[in-house]
Amino acid sequence: MVSAPAVVIAAPASGSGKTTLATGLIGALRRAGHRVAPFKVGPDYIDPGYHGLAAGRPGRNLDPVLVGEDRVVPLYRHGAQGCDIAVVEGVMGLFDGRIDENRGDAIAEGSTAQVAGLLGAPVVLVVDARGHSQSLAALLHGFATYDSSVRLGGVILNRVGSERHEQVLRAACDRVGLPVLGALPRMAELEVPSRHLGLIPAVEHGSAATAAVDAMTELVAAHVDLRAIVALAGGSVLGAAWDPHVELASIAEHDTAGTSSDGDRAHDPRVTDAAMVRPQPTSVDPASESASSAAGPGVVSGRDPLIAMAGGPAFTFGYAEHRELLVAAGARVVVFDPLTDELPVGTAGLVLPGGFPEEHAGQLSANERLRAAVADGASSGLPIHAECAGLLYLTRSLDGHRMAGVIDADAEFGPRLTLGYRDAVALHDSALWRAGSRVRGHEFHRTRLVRTGAENPAWGWRAPGSVAEGAVVRQVHASYLHTHPAGNPDAIARFVTAARRFDH
């Protein structure tokens, strides 16, 4: 079956207006009667929220670093099912990606250019027109000729100052043979409020986010040639769409054949040596471990366990594929808001994703019944998967506010941003990974842990020095590291198996 054609929205650098343009384009195409599939390159959690508002369907990520280059096209086809066009917003500058001194390719891993090449899709370059005049031609010439595998299909001029300014810029584009597909005037009122990690998530921004998306849609509809965009869209993706059931069945087959999927990962040549500390298994109930081996990942045996997944304003960072994999593995998923809700009755596994708990620490602390239930569950062996915001919630305190107290540490807002991909190795057995499992993850936080105890660290990596991070406590796996479930389906299957054991 032919997949939906795509257009990739890129820019020479961050801050050029990609999100405004991509979100508005998704909304304008939808208003014009198209079924639009929204995507974001890289490990971004915030932009897809605005994309989802504009499209009326979940925004998804395409990240070759976290899921592997071979999964990008299947995930694209999965997310684009039922749509007639896709809009893919890039990350940073067109050719910017993971910085790797050992990689000599012109196109960086995880870059917009890499994803555009994998999809065979044309790129529309959004240029912040402020400060540009005739020299824009030289800039465009460089981007158009830097790598022949990237097809630059046109330009959208953003933040144009006047009619005369637009005329000069259009002439510069003509000089290098690139069509101008739109010209957007400067409109400061479209700026969406931001904080230390970027835009405020759409869930937190509420009705103001919807109003901003509507304004972006109106702006793009009025100033961009939608017909030209639709005519330009293309792609050359072949093969099957990603299917969570197929992923899990493949894992089960490997285990049945006596091959550990975690072991295969450990020898994946894409993953560099990350071990600084010899991985050691933590104390695991032998009966539980044997039950896990007998059932096998992805195999539903007995009652389907209930997985409670934190959502709401404080826990907004997540991937759509996470819930899809949990369900495919046999779980019933219930989303709850830790700001106001209690732990769902019958919870057999708890997922605490990333987000901005530091912005809601007082309200999280005030929900004493939930904090107590999470602490009791953790002490009883409840499987808990906590990433970043989830880690903070499990500490003793966050900026002086009492948290669940599962992790022997306090957390506070820090002086600097920690950001980047990590090649990590699991240092201890947990409800998600066996000791020695290797993953690729991403850090993105301004908080830090202080007054930490001596609990088993979850991960080790080089950065460039030796780093041991996170905590494994009983069936709790907590860490700052964000992972993509589609890149680690074995961990999701293992987690559901642990939840099924707890449910019994």
Protein backbone atom coordinates (compact mmCIF):
# COMPACT_ATOMS: atom_id res chain seq x y z
CA MET A 1 0.00 0.00 0.00
CA VAL A 2 1.29 3.46 -0.90
CA SER A 3 2.10 5.58 2.14
CA ALA A 4 1.07 9.21 2.55
CA PRO A 5 3.45 11.69 0.91
CA ALA A 6 5.34 14.00 3.24
CA VAL A 7 6.86 17.43 3.38
CA VAL A 8 9.69 18.12 5.84
CA ILE A 9 9.80 21.54 7.50
CA ALA A 10 13.41 22.49 8.26
CA ALA A 11 15.46 25.61 8.93
CA PRO A 12 19.06 26.86 8.83
CA ALA A 13 19.08 27.11 12.63
CA SER A 14 16.96 26.83 15.76
CA GLY A 15 14.63 29.73 16.44
CA SER A 16 13.66 30.27 12.81
CA GLY A 17 9.96 29.54 13.37
CA LYS A 18 9.68 25.87 12.41
CA THR A 19 7.11 25.06 15.09
CA THR A 20 4.87 28.00 14.22
CA LEU A 21 5.01 27.15 10.53
CA ALA A 22 4.65 23.37 10.94
CA THR A 23 1.77 23.65 13.41
CA GLY A 24 -0.01 26.24 11.28
CA LEU A 25 0.53 24.18 8.15
CA ILE A 26 -0.93 21.08 9.80
CA GLY A 27 -3.97 23.07 10.90
CA ALA A 28 -4.42 24.82 7.54
CA LEU A 29 -4.19 21.55 5.59
CA ARG A 30 -6.70 19.97 7.94
CA ARG A 31 -9.11 22.87 7.45
CA ALA A 32 -8.68 22.42 3.71
CA GLY A 33 -10.02 18.88 4.02
CA HIS A 34 -6.80 16.86 4.31
CA ARG A 35 -6.13 14.09 6.80
CA VAL A 36 -2.75 15.18 8.14
CA ALA A 37 -0.21 13.00 9.97
CA PRO A 38 2.02 15.13 12.24
CA PHE A 39 5.61 14.18 13.04
CA LYS A 40 8.59 15.71 14.83
CA VAL A 41 12.24 14.77 14.27
CA GLY A 42 14.18 13.99 17.44
CA PRO A 43 13.33 13.43 21.11
CA ASP A 44 11.07 16.47 21.47
CA TYR A 45 7.92 16.02 23.61
CA ILE A 46 6.48 19.52 23.49
CA ASP A 47 6.09 20.35 19.80
CA PRO A 48 4.09 17.16 19.09
CA GLY A 49 1.49 18.37 21.59
CA TYR A 50 0.82 21.44 19.45
CA HIS A 51 0.92 19.31 16.30
CA GLY A 52 -1.69 17.02 17.82
CA LEU A 53 -4.02 19.93 18.58
CA ALA A 54 -3.72 21.11 14.98
CA ALA A 55 -4.13 17.66 13.40
CA GLY A 56 -6.74 16.13 15.69
CA ARG A 57 -4.56 13.02 16.06
CA PRO A 58 -1.42 12.24 18.10
CA GLY A 59 1.83 13.92 17.14
CA ARG A 60 4.62 11.37 16.80
CA ASN A 61 8.42 11.41 16.78
CA LEU A 62 10.93 10.09 14.27
CA ASP A 63 14.32 9.67 15.94
CA PRO A 64 16.93 7.41 14.31
CA VAL A 65 19.18 7.67 17.37
CA LEU A 66 16.63 6.35 19.86
CA VAL A 67 14.77 3.81 17.74
CA GLY A 68 17.38 2.87 15.12
CA GLU A 69 17.50 3.94 11.50
CA ASP A 70 15.65 0.80 10.39
CA ARG A 71 12.54 1.69 12.42
CA VAL A 72 12.04 5.24 11.11
CA VAL A 73 10.13 4.28 7.96
CA PRO A 74 7.93 1.65 9.68
CA LEU A 75 7.07 4.14 12.43
CA TYR A 76 6.30 6.76 9.80
CA ARG A 77 3.99 4.38 7.97
CA HIS A 78 2.31 3.45 11.24
CA GLY A 79 1.68 7.07 12.18
CA ALA A 80 0.54 8.07 8.70
CA GLN A 81 -2.08 5.33 8.29
CA GLY A 82 -5.40 6.75 7.14
CA CYS A 83 -3.84 10.09 6.15
CA ASP A 84 -3.28 11.65 2.74
CA ILE A 85 -0.35 13.91 3.68
CA ALA A 86 2.23 14.17 6.44
CA VAL A 87 4.01 17.19 7.85
CA VAL A 88 7.35 16.45 9.50
CA GLU A 89 8.86 19.22 11.62
CA GLY A 90 12.63 19.08 11.81
CA VAL A 91 14.97 19.64 14.73
CA MET A 92 17.53 22.46 15.11
CA GLY A 93 19.21 23.27 11.77
CA LEU A 94 18.68 21.03 8.75
CA PHE A 95 22.00 19.21 9.08
CA ASP A 96 22.31 19.35 12.89
CA GLY A 97 22.11 16.11 14.83
CA ARG A 98 24.05 14.01 17.27
CA ILE A 99 27.61 15.27 17.62
CA ASP A 100 29.89 12.29 17.06
CA GLU A 101 33.56 12.87 16.29
CA ASN A 102 33.85 9.27 15.05
CA ARG A 103 31.18 9.76 12.38
CA GLY A 104 32.54 11.37 9.22
CA ASP A 105 29.27 11.58 7.27
CA ALA A 106 28.10 14.95 6.00
CA ILE A 107 24.67 14.22 7.47
CA ALA A 108 24.62 13.88 11.25
CA GLU A 109 22.79 11.00 12.89
CA GLY A 110 19.35 12.06 14.10
CA SER A 111 19.31 15.16 11.91
CA THR A 112 16.37 16.43 9.89
CA ALA A 113 18.40 15.77 6.77
CA GLN A 114 18.83 12.11 7.71
CA VAL A 115 15.11 11.61 8.32
CA ALA A 116 14.19 13.44 5.09
CA GLY A 117 16.55 11.12 3.22
CA LEU A 118 15.09 8.00 4.83
CA LEU A 119 11.59 9.11 3.84
CA GLY A 120 12.63 10.37 0.41
CA ALA A 121 10.66 13.51 1.21
CA PRO A 122 11.30 17.07 0.01
CA VAL A 123 12.46 19.75 2.43
CA VAL A 124 10.90 23.18 2.80
CA LEU A 125 13.37 25.58 4.40
CA VAL A 126 11.89 28.13 6.81
CA VAL A 127 14.13 31.20 6.95
CA ASP A 128 13.93 33.86 9.64
CA ALA A 129 13.99 36.87 7.32
CA ARG A 130 15.04 39.36 9.98
CA GLY A 131 18.42 40.79 8.99
CA HIS A 132 18.45 39.09 5.59
CA SER A 133 18.65 40.80 2.22
CA GLN A 134 20.39 39.81 -1.04
CA SER A 135 22.86 37.59 0.83
CA LEU A 136 20.02 35.16 1.43
CA ALA A 137 20.86 33.74 -2.01
CA ALA A 138 24.28 32.58 -0.79
CA LEU A 139 22.76 30.95 2.29
CA LEU A 140 20.19 29.07 0.22
CA HIS A 141 22.79 28.02 -2.33
CA GLY A 142 24.83 26.44 0.44
CA PHE A 143 21.90 24.49 1.90
CA ALA A 144 20.71 23.37 -1.56
CA THR A 145 24.12 22.02 -2.63
CA TYR A 146 25.66 20.81 0.63
CA ASP A 147 24.45 17.22 0.16
CA SER A 148 22.85 15.87 -2.99
CA SER A 149 20.76 13.31 -1.06
CA VAL A 150 18.67 16.12 0.44
CA ARG A 151 16.12 17.66 -1.94
CA LEU A 152 15.34 21.27 -1.12
CA GLY A 153 11.91 21.87 -2.62
CA GLY A 154 11.22 25.46 -1.67
CA VAL A 155 11.49 28.26 0.86
CA ILE A 156 9.08 29.89 3.30
CA LEU A 157 10.09 33.37 4.42
CA ASN A 158 9.22 34.01 8.06
CA ARG A 159 9.01 37.32 9.94
CA VAL A 160 9.13 39.46 6.82
CA GLY A 161 9.30 43.16 7.68
CA SER A 162 7.60 44.84 4.73
CA GLU A 163 6.47 44.44 1.10
CA ARG A 164 9.81 45.83 -0.11
CA HIS A 165 11.67 43.39 2.14
CA GLU A 166 9.66 40.51 0.70
CA GLN A 167 10.44 41.60 -2.88
CA VAL A 168 14.19 41.62 -2.19
CA LEU A 169 14.05 38.21 -0.53
CA ARG A 170 12.00 36.68 -3.34
CA ALA A 171 14.55 37.95 -5.84
CA ALA A 172 17.32 36.26 -3.83
CA CYS A 173 15.40 32.97 -3.89
CA ASP A 174 14.87 33.28 -7.65
CA ARG A 175 18.61 33.75 -8.07
CA VAL A 176 19.25 30.21 -6.79
CA GLY A 177 16.19 28.66 -8.41
CA LEU A 178 14.18 27.95 -5.25
CA PRO A 179 10.45 28.73 -5.26
CA VAL A 180 8.98 30.80 -2.45
CA LEU A 181 6.04 28.85 -1.04
CA GLY A 182 5.00 31.50 1.45
CA ALA A 183 5.95 34.70 3.21
CA LEU A 184 4.79 35.29 6.79
CA PRO A 185 4.82 38.75 8.35
CA ARG A 186 6.16 39.44 11.80
CA MET A 187 3.46 38.72 14.37
CA ALA A 188 4.75 38.79 17.93
CA GLU A 189 1.34 37.88 19.35
CA LEU A 190 1.80 34.32 18.04
CA GLU A 191 4.67 33.66 20.41
CA VAL A 192 3.74 30.80 22.74
CA PRO A 193 5.05 31.26 26.30
CA SER A 194 8.18 29.29 27.11
CA ARG A 195 10.22 28.30 30.13
CA HIS A 196 13.61 26.74 30.85
CA LEU A 197 13.11 23.66 28.63
CA GLY A 198 11.32 25.39 25.73
CA LEU A 199 7.65 25.99 25.00
CA ILE A 200 5.07 25.40 27.72
CA PRO A 201 3.36 22.08 26.84
CA ALA A 202 -0.05 22.38 25.22
CA VAL A 203 -1.68 20.44 28.08
CA GLU A 204 -0.47 23.02 30.60
CA HIS A 205 -1.24 26.01 28.39
CA GLY A 206 -4.87 24.90 28.04
CA SER A 207 -7.22 27.12 26.07
CA ALA A 208 -4.38 29.52 25.31
CA ALA A 209 -2.63 26.71 23.41
CA THR A 210 -5.75 26.07 21.35
CA ALA A 211 -6.01 29.80 20.60
CA ALA A 212 -2.34 29.89 19.58
CA VAL A 213 -2.79 26.91 17.25
CA ASP A 214 -5.84 28.57 15.69
CA ALA A 215 -3.85 31.76 15.13
CA MET A 216 -0.96 29.82 13.56
CA THR A 217 -3.44 28.06 11.30
CA GLU A 218 -4.98 31.36 10.17
CA LEU A 219 -1.55 32.87 9.53
CA VAL A 220 -0.31 29.97 7.40
CA ALA A 221 -3.60 29.66 5.52
CA ALA A 222 -3.38 33.34 4.57
CA HIS A 223 0.31 33.49 3.62
CA VAL A 224 1.39 30.01 2.40
CA ASP A 225 0.52 28.37 -0.93
CA LEU A 226 -1.13 25.19 0.34
CA ARG A 227 -1.69 23.81 -3.15
CA ALA A 228 2.01 24.14 -3.89
CA ILE A 229 2.85 22.37 -0.61
CA VAL A 230 0.51 19.48 -1.45
CA ALA A 231 1.94 19.23 -4.96
CA LEU A 232 5.48 19.20 -3.58
CA ALA A 233 4.87 16.50 -0.96
CA GLY A 234 6.37 13.15 -1.81
CA GLY A 235 8.23 10.16 -0.48
CA SER A 236 9.64 6.78 -1.33
CA VAL A 237 8.89 4.66 1.71
CA LEU A 238 8.35 0.94 1.22
CA GLY A 239 7.75 -2.01 3.51
CA ALA A 240 5.39 -2.78 6.34
CA ALA A 241 4.14 -0.32 8.92
CA TRP A 242 5.37 -0.70 12.49
CA ASP A 243 3.07 -2.95 14.50
CA PRO A 244 3.45 -3.32 18.29
CA HIS A 245 2.04 -6.86 18.20
CA VAL A 246 4.60 -7.90 15.57
CA GLU A 247 7.41 -6.33 17.61
CA LEU A 248 6.42 -8.26 20.72
CA ALA A 249 5.88 -11.50 18.83
CA SER A 250 9.40 -11.17 17.42
CA ILE A 251 10.79 -10.81 20.94
CA ALA A 252 8.88 -13.88 22.11
CA GLU A 253 10.24 -15.89 19.16
CA HIS A 254 13.80 -14.85 20.03
CA ASP A 255 13.32 -15.92 23.64
CA THR A 256 11.71 -19.21 22.61
CA ALA A 257 14.73 -19.89 20.44
CA GLY A 258 16.97 -19.27 23.44
CA THR A 259 18.30 -15.93 22.24
CA SER A 260 18.09 -12.98 24.61
CA SER A 261 16.90 -9.83 22.92
CA ASP A 262 18.82 -7.90 25.57
CA GLY A 263 21.89 -9.87 24.66
CA ASP A 264 21.44 -9.01 21.01
CA ARG A 265 21.24 -5.35 22.01
CA ALA A 266 24.46 -5.64 23.97
CA HIS A 267 26.30 -6.59 20.79
CA ASP A 268 24.59 -4.02 18.56
CA PRO A 269 27.47 -2.26 16.76
CA ARG A 270 25.53 1.04 16.83
CA VAL A 271 25.92 1.17 20.61
CA THR A 272 29.32 2.20 21.95
CA ASP A 273 31.00 0.84 25.07
CA ALA A 274 29.19 2.48 27.95
CA ALA A 275 30.09 0.24 30.89
CA MET A 276 32.15 1.76 33.66
CA VAL A 277 30.85 -0.43 36.48
CA ARG A 278 30.43 -4.17 36.12
CA PRO A 279 26.64 -4.79 35.94
CA GLN A 280 25.37 -6.68 38.95
CA PRO A 281 21.97 -8.32 39.36
CA THR A 282 19.87 -6.93 42.16
CA SER A 283 18.00 -9.21 44.52
CA VAL A 284 15.02 -10.50 42.54
CA ASP A 285 12.44 -12.95 43.80
CA PRO A 286 13.48 -16.27 42.16
CA ALA A 287 9.85 -17.27 41.74
CA SER A 288 9.16 -14.02 39.95
CA GLU A 289 12.18 -14.40 37.67
CA SER A 290 11.22 -17.94 36.79
CA ALA A 291 7.63 -16.87 36.08
CA SER A 292 8.96 -14.18 33.77
CA SER A 293 11.05 -16.67 31.84
CA ALA A 294 8.18 -19.13 31.57
CA ALA A 295 5.68 -16.61 30.27
CA GLY A 296 8.09 -14.85 27.94
CA PRO A 297 7.85 -11.23 26.83
CA GLY A 298 4.70 -10.24 25.02
CA VAL A 299 2.82 -13.40 26.01
CA VAL A 300 -0.50 -12.82 27.77
CA SER A 301 -0.98 -15.35 30.55
CA GLY A 302 -3.86 -15.01 32.97
CA ARG A 303 -5.42 -11.71 33.93
CA ASP A 304 -4.43 -8.60 31.97
CA PRO A 305 -2.68 -6.27 34.46
CA LEU A 306 -3.73 -2.67 34.93
CA ILE A 307 -0.94 -0.19 34.20
CA ALA A 308 -1.51 3.29 35.63
CA MET A 309 0.17 5.97 33.53
CA ALA A 310 0.65 9.45 34.99
CA GLY A 311 -0.60 12.32 32.83
CA GLY A 312 -1.95 15.81 33.32
CA PRO A 313 0.04 19.06 33.47
CA ALA A 314 3.00 17.68 35.46
CA PHE A 315 3.66 14.57 33.33
CA THR A 316 3.41 15.58 29.68
CA PHE A 317 6.48 13.89 28.14
CA GLY A 318 5.71 10.63 26.41
CA TYR A 319 5.46 8.75 23.13
CA ALA A 320 2.23 7.43 21.63
CA GLU A 321 3.94 4.11 20.95
CA HIS A 322 4.44 3.54 24.68
CA ARG A 323 0.77 3.01 25.39
CA GLU A 324 0.35 1.03 22.16
CA LEU A 325 3.10 -1.39 23.20
CA LEU A 326 1.71 -1.76 26.72
CA VAL A 327 -1.71 -2.66 25.31
CA ALA A 328 -0.20 -5.03 22.75
CA ALA A 329 1.67 -6.76 25.57
CA GLY A 330 -1.66 -7.43 27.29
CA ALA A 331 -1.99 -4.51 29.70
CA ARG A 332 -4.98 -2.36 30.43
CA VAL A 333 -3.75 1.25 30.53
CA VAL A 334 -5.42 3.93 32.64
CA VAL A 335 -4.16 7.52 32.54
CA PHE A 336 -4.49 9.52 35.77
CA ASP A 337 -3.45 12.98 36.97
CA PRO A 338 -1.15 12.91 40.04
CA LEU A 339 -2.11 16.49 40.83
CA THR A 340 -5.64 15.50 41.79
CA ASP A 341 -6.27 11.77 41.40
CA GLU A 342 -5.64 8.75 43.56
CA LEU A 343 -3.83 5.67 42.32
CA PRO A 344 -6.32 3.68 40.19
CA VAL A 345 -7.81 0.71 41.99
CA GLY A 346 -6.08 -2.53 40.99
CA THR A 347 -2.87 -0.91 39.73
CA ALA A 348 -0.32 -3.62 38.96
CA GLY A 349 2.28 -1.38 37.31
CA LEU A 350 2.96 2.35 37.40
CA VAL A 351 4.46 4.52 34.65
CA LEU A 352 5.67 7.99 35.66
CA PRO A 353 6.89 9.73 32.48
CA GLY A 354 8.73 13.01 32.06
CA GLY A 355 7.34 16.50 32.37
CA PHE A 356 7.56 19.55 34.60
CA PRO A 357 6.91 18.47 38.20
CA GLU A 358 9.00 21.40 39.44
CA GLU A 359 6.25 23.71 38.17
CA HIS A 360 3.60 21.81 40.16
CA ALA A 361 5.58 20.60 43.18
CA GLY A 362 3.23 22.14 45.72
CA GLN A 363 0.14 20.51 44.28
CA LEU A 364 1.90 17.16 43.84
CA SER A 365 2.97 17.30 47.47
CA ALA A 366 -0.56 18.20 48.62
CA ASN A 367 -1.92 14.94 47.14
CA GLU A 368 -0.88 12.97 50.23
CA ARG A 369 -3.05 9.94 49.52
CA LEU A 370 -1.36 9.33 46.19
CA ARG A 371 2.12 9.84 47.61
CA ALA A 372 1.39 7.32 50.34
CA ALA A 373 -0.10 4.81 47.89
CA VAL A 374 2.93 5.03 45.60
CA ALA A 375 5.32 4.59 48.53
CA ASP A 376 3.34 1.59 49.81
CA GLY A 377 3.19 0.10 46.35
CA ALA A 378 6.92 0.45 45.83
CA SER A 379 7.68 -1.22 49.18
CA SER A 380 5.34 -4.07 48.20
CA GLY A 381 7.10 -4.71 44.89
CA LEU A 382 4.88 -2.71 42.54
CA PRO A 383 6.73 -2.38 39.19
CA ILE A 384 7.37 1.33 38.59
CA HIS A 385 8.92 2.84 35.45
CA ALA A 386 9.94 6.44 36.21
CA GLU A 387 11.71 8.78 33.79
CA CYS A 388 12.93 12.29 34.67
CA ALA A 389 9.77 13.85 36.16
CA GLY A 390 8.91 10.40 37.49
CA LEU A 391 12.31 10.17 39.15
CA LEU A 392 11.75 13.55 40.82
CA TYR A 393 8.32 12.48 42.10
CA LEU A 394 9.85 9.41 43.73
CA THR A 395 12.47 11.38 45.70
CA ARG A 396 12.07 12.55 49.30
CA SER A 397 11.54 16.17 48.27
CA LEU A 398 11.49 18.48 45.25
CA ASP A 399 12.50 22.09 45.92
CA GLY A 400 11.49 21.62 49.54
CA HIS A 401 8.12 19.99 48.81
CA ARG A 402 7.57 16.45 50.09
CA MET A 403 7.41 13.78 47.40
CA ALA A 404 6.76 10.02 47.55
CA GLY A 405 10.02 9.15 49.32
CA VAL A 406 10.74 5.98 47.36
CA ILE A 407 14.21 7.14 46.26
CA ASP A 408 16.75 8.12 48.92
CA ALA A 409 17.50 11.57 47.46
CA ASP A 410 16.26 15.15 47.34
CA ALA A 411 15.81 17.11 44.12
CA GLU A 412 16.19 20.79 43.34
CA PHE A 413 16.15 23.13 40.38
CA GLY A 414 19.73 23.37 39.13
CA PRO A 415 21.96 26.07 37.65
CA ARG A 416 22.35 24.55 34.18
CA LEU A 417 20.61 22.51 31.50
CA THR A 418 21.68 18.88 31.06
CA LEU A 419 21.00 17.85 27.49
CA GLY A 420 22.12 15.17 25.07
CA TYR A 421 21.98 11.59 23.83
CA ARG A 422 23.55 8.90 25.98
CA ASP A 423 24.78 5.38 25.23
CA ALA A 424 23.91 3.64 28.47
CA VAL A 425 24.21 0.20 30.02
CA ALA A 426 21.87 -1.17 32.68
CA LEU A 427 23.93 -1.72 35.82
CA HIS A 428 21.38 -3.87 37.69
CA ASP A 429 18.43 -6.12 36.96
CA SER A 430 15.10 -4.32 37.08
CA ALA A 431 11.48 -4.68 36.04
CA LEU A 432 12.47 -3.34 32.59
CA TRP A 433 16.05 -4.31 31.80
CA ARG A 434 18.46 -7.08 32.62
CA ALA A 435 21.88 -6.05 33.88
CA GLY A 436 24.13 -5.44 30.88
CA SER A 437 21.37 -4.33 28.52
CA ARG A 438 22.48 -1.43 26.35
CA VAL A 439 20.18 1.38 25.29
CA ARG A 440 20.28 4.79 23.73
CA GLY A 441 18.54 7.47 25.69
CA HIS A 442 18.27 11.24 25.99
CA GLU A 443 18.70 13.60 28.94
CA PHE A 444 16.79 16.90 29.09
CA HIS A 445 16.49 18.56 32.51
CA ARG A 446 17.43 21.52 34.69
CA THR A 447 16.93 19.77 38.01
CA ARG A 448 19.49 17.72 39.91
CA LEU A 449 19.57 15.21 42.76
CA VAL A 450 21.28 16.13 46.03
CA ARG A 451 21.91 14.29 49.29
CA THR A 452 21.57 10.96 47.53
CA GLY A 453 21.73 7.63 49.28
CA ALA A 454 23.55 4.45 48.33
CA GLU A 455 20.91 2.79 46.16
CA ASN A 456 21.78 0.70 43.12
CA PRO A 457 22.26 3.00 40.10
CA ALA A 458 20.10 2.31 37.05
CA TRP A 459 22.51 3.29 34.27
CA GLY A 460 26.15 3.85 33.51
CA TRP A 461 27.71 5.79 30.63
CA ARG A 462 30.68 7.95 29.65
CA ALA A 463 30.09 11.71 29.32
CA PRO A 464 33.19 11.78 28.86
CA GLY A 465 33.89 10.74 32.44
CA SER A 466 32.23 7.80 34.14
CA VAL A 467 28.61 8.40 35.12
CA ALA A 468 26.36 6.19 37.26
CA GLU A 469 22.81 7.55 37.27
CA GLY A 470 19.31 6.76 38.50
CA ALA A 471 18.19 4.14 40.97
CA VAL A 472 16.88 0.58 41.05
CA VAL A 473 14.94 -0.16 44.23
CA ARG A 474 13.04 -3.46 44.40
CA GLN A 475 10.84 -3.30 41.26
CA VAL A 476 11.35 0.44 40.74
CA HIS A 477 13.46 1.70 37.84
CA ALA A 478 13.95 5.49 38.10
CA SER A 479 16.25 7.65 36.01
CA TYR A 480 16.70 10.98 34.27
CA LEU A 481 17.23 9.08 31.02
CA HIS A 482 14.36 9.19 28.52
CA THR A 483 14.10 6.11 26.29
CA HIS A 484 11.83 5.49 23.33
CA PRO A 485 9.60 2.43 23.86
CA ALA A 486 9.59 1.58 20.15
CA GLY A 487 13.36 1.28 20.34
CA ASN A 488 13.11 -0.94 23.45
CA PRO A 489 10.01 -3.14 23.06
CA ASP A 490 11.69 -5.88 25.08
CA ALA A 491 11.70 -3.60 28.13
CA ILE A 492 7.99 -2.89 27.77
CA ALA A 493 7.21 -6.59 27.48
CA ARG A 494 9.32 -7.33 30.54
CA PHE A 495 7.52 -4.58 32.49
CA VAL A 496 4.07 -5.94 31.65
CA THR A 497 5.22 -9.42 32.65
CA ALA A 498 6.38 -8.01 36.00
CA ALA A 499 3.02 -6.28 36.44
CA ARG A 500 1.20 -9.52 35.67
CA ARG A 501 3.21 -11.30 38.38
CA PHE A 502 2.43 -8.53 40.87
CA ASP A 503 -1.26 -8.71 39.97
CA HIS A 504 -1.32 -12.31 41.05
